[in-house]
Amino acid sequence: MSRTPRLTRSVPFWVLIVGSLASAGAGAYLLLDRLGGMDARLTDGTATTNDVYVGQIWAVLGTVLIGAGLVGLALALTLGALRSFAPAPTAEELAAADDDLADDTDTWSDADEAAPRAGAEELGYDADLGYDATKDPAAVDAAR
């Protein structure tokens, strides 16, 4: 079994495709709806300034959404093409990966944890800077 997931099983890849198609579809709907409505009202002579000037902005938004959808689909196509150039893992690599997983145990011990740092020098405190790790915080507050 391959350690790298297939592109067709990748959730972000499908979100990119579905989002791109939704963006292009919504943009096409906006563009055709607004321009068609504006054309009909201009032909009838019942168009208002709101229909003409605001309709143009909605049509531009539809065009931008179509462009974003097409860019997303081109990106998905590019990802698919680049994924085809990725080399398939060899049998030796798969066997080595399986051996690494077989050697891994689910047991945990205290020896696996790093030892806590206790010394002030290890924490980066310097006596020349005026910090004394031995001072009692209550005594410092009382001195103020």
Protein backbone atom coordinates (compact mmCIF):
# COMPACT_ATOMS: atom_id res chain seq x y z
CA MET A 1 0.00 0.00 0.00
CA SER A 2 1.29 3.43 -0.86
CA ARG A 3 2.23 5.80 1.94
CA THR A 4 1.25 8.81 -0.17
CA PRO A 5 -2.51 9.21 -0.59
CA ARG A 6 -4.03 9.21 -4.03
CA LEU A 7 -5.11 12.57 -5.31
CA THR A 8 -8.65 11.36 -5.93
CA ARG A 9 -8.96 10.59 -2.21
CA SER A 10 -7.71 14.00 -1.13
CA VAL A 11 -10.44 16.09 0.50
CA PRO A 12 -8.76 19.46 -0.23
CA PHE A 13 -8.51 18.50 -3.91
CA TRP A 14 -12.23 17.79 -4.11
CA VAL A 15 -13.06 20.95 -2.14
CA LEU A 16 -11.05 22.89 -4.74
CA ILE A 17 -12.93 21.27 -7.62
CA VAL A 18 -16.39 21.63 -6.05
CA GLY A 19 -15.69 25.20 -4.93
CA SER A 20 -14.41 26.14 -8.38
CA LEU A 21 -17.46 24.65 -10.08
CA ALA A 22 -19.78 26.38 -7.61
CA SER A 23 -18.04 29.71 -8.16
CA ALA A 24 -18.21 29.39 -11.93
CA GLY A 25 -21.85 28.30 -11.79
CA ALA A 26 -22.89 31.14 -9.48
CA GLY A 27 -21.01 33.62 -11.65
CA ALA A 28 -22.67 32.34 -14.81
CA TYR A 29 -26.09 32.59 -13.17
CA LEU A 30 -25.44 36.17 -12.03
CA LEU A 31 -24.04 37.21 -15.38
CA LEU A 32 -26.83 35.73 -17.48
CA ASP A 33 -29.60 36.77 -15.10
CA ARG A 34 -28.51 40.38 -14.73
CA LEU A 35 -27.56 40.96 -18.36
CA GLY A 36 -30.69 39.19 -19.63
CA GLY A 37 -32.93 41.21 -17.34
CA MET A 38 -31.18 44.44 -18.22
CA ASP A 39 -31.47 43.67 -21.95
CA ALA A 40 -35.20 42.95 -21.66
CA ARG A 41 -35.92 46.13 -19.70
CA LEU A 42 -33.81 48.27 -22.02
CA THR A 43 -35.62 46.85 -25.04
CA ASP A 44 -39.05 47.45 -23.44
CA GLY A 45 -38.09 50.96 -22.40
CA THR A 46 -38.90 50.24 -18.73
CA ALA A 47 -35.32 50.24 -17.46
CA THR A 48 -34.52 52.39 -14.48
CA THR A 49 -31.14 53.79 -13.54
CA ASN A 50 -30.94 51.11 -10.85
CA ASP A 51 -31.42 48.39 -13.47
CA VAL A 52 -28.76 49.82 -15.75
CA TYR A 53 -26.02 50.90 -13.38
CA VAL A 54 -26.41 48.33 -10.60
CA GLY A 55 -27.01 45.54 -13.12
CA GLN A 56 -23.61 46.24 -14.64
CA ILE A 57 -21.89 45.82 -11.29
CA TRP A 58 -23.66 42.49 -10.71
CA ALA A 59 -22.58 41.38 -14.18
CA VAL A 60 -18.97 42.28 -13.37
CA LEU A 61 -19.21 40.31 -10.13
CA GLY A 62 -20.52 37.33 -12.10
CA THR A 63 -17.59 37.61 -14.49
CA VAL A 64 -15.13 37.71 -11.60
CA LEU A 65 -16.73 34.60 -10.07
CA ILE A 66 -16.51 32.78 -13.41
CA GLY A 67 -12.83 33.75 -13.66
CA ALA A 68 -12.13 32.55 -10.12
CA GLY A 69 -13.83 29.25 -10.87
CA LEU A 70 -11.81 28.77 -14.03
CA VAL A 71 -8.57 29.57 -12.20
CA GLY A 72 -9.49 27.00 -9.52
CA LEU A 73 -10.21 24.35 -12.15
CA ALA A 74 -6.90 25.13 -13.87
CA LEU A 75 -5.15 24.77 -10.50
CA ALA A 76 -6.84 21.40 -9.94
CA LEU A 77 -5.72 20.28 -13.40
CA THR A 78 -2.19 21.43 -12.61
CA LEU A 79 -2.20 19.53 -9.31
CA GLY A 80 -3.35 16.40 -11.13
CA ALA A 81 -0.60 16.78 -13.72
CA LEU A 82 2.08 17.38 -11.08
CA ARG A 83 0.87 14.41 -9.04
CA SER A 84 1.32 12.17 -12.08
CA PHE A 85 5.03 13.09 -12.10
CA ALA A 86 5.53 11.97 -8.49
CA PRO A 87 7.33 8.64 -8.45
CA ALA A 88 5.50 5.65 -7.06
CA PRO A 89 7.18 4.16 -4.00
CA THR A 90 9.22 1.05 -4.70
CA ALA A 91 8.64 -2.28 -3.01
CA GLU A 92 11.76 -1.80 -0.91
CA GLU A 93 10.55 1.57 0.36
CA LEU A 94 7.18 0.11 1.27
CA ALA A 95 8.79 -2.83 3.04
CA ALA A 96 11.10 -0.50 4.97
CA ALA A 97 8.17 1.65 6.00
CA ASP A 98 6.24 -1.42 7.13
CA ASP A 99 9.26 -2.60 9.15
CA ASP A 100 9.51 0.82 10.81
CA LEU A 101 5.86 0.60 11.78
CA ALA A 102 6.26 -2.95 13.04
CA ASP A 103 9.15 -1.89 15.29
CA ASP A 104 7.08 0.93 16.79
CA THR A 105 5.50 -0.05 20.06
CA ASP A 106 2.53 1.51 21.75
CA THR A 107 4.15 1.36 25.15
CA TRP A 108 5.27 4.51 26.88
CA SER A 109 7.62 4.91 29.77
CA ASP A 110 8.93 7.76 31.88
CA ALA A 111 12.30 7.31 30.23
CA ASP A 112 10.79 8.66 26.98
CA GLU A 113 10.29 12.11 28.53
CA ALA A 114 13.01 14.71 28.61
CA ALA A 115 14.41 15.61 32.00
CA PRO A 116 13.24 18.99 33.33
CA ARG A 117 15.77 21.79 33.39
CA ALA A 118 16.33 22.91 36.93
CA GLY A 119 19.39 25.13 36.91
CA ALA A 120 19.12 28.89 36.46
CA GLU A 121 22.04 28.83 34.03
CA GLU A 122 20.16 26.45 31.79
CA LEU A 123 17.18 28.79 31.68
CA GLY A 124 19.30 31.63 30.36
CA TYR A 125 19.38 33.74 33.54
CA ASP A 126 22.53 35.64 34.14
CA ALA A 127 23.60 36.97 37.54
CA ASP A 128 25.14 40.01 35.81
CA LEU A 129 21.68 41.09 34.64
CA GLY A 130 20.49 41.51 38.22
CA TYR A 131 18.24 38.49 38.40
CA ASP A 132 18.79 36.22 41.33
CA ALA A 133 16.95 32.91 41.11
CA THR A 134 17.32 32.35 44.86
CA LYS A 135 15.23 35.39 45.83
CA ASP A 136 11.87 34.75 47.38
CA PRO A 137 9.08 36.47 45.34
CA ALA A 138 7.27 37.48 48.56
CA ALA A 139 10.39 39.21 49.86
CA VAL A 140 10.81 41.08 46.59
CA ASP A 141 7.19 42.30 46.71
CA ALA A 142 7.59 43.39 50.32
CA ALA A 143 10.69 45.42 49.45
CA ARG A 144 8.74 47.48 46.93
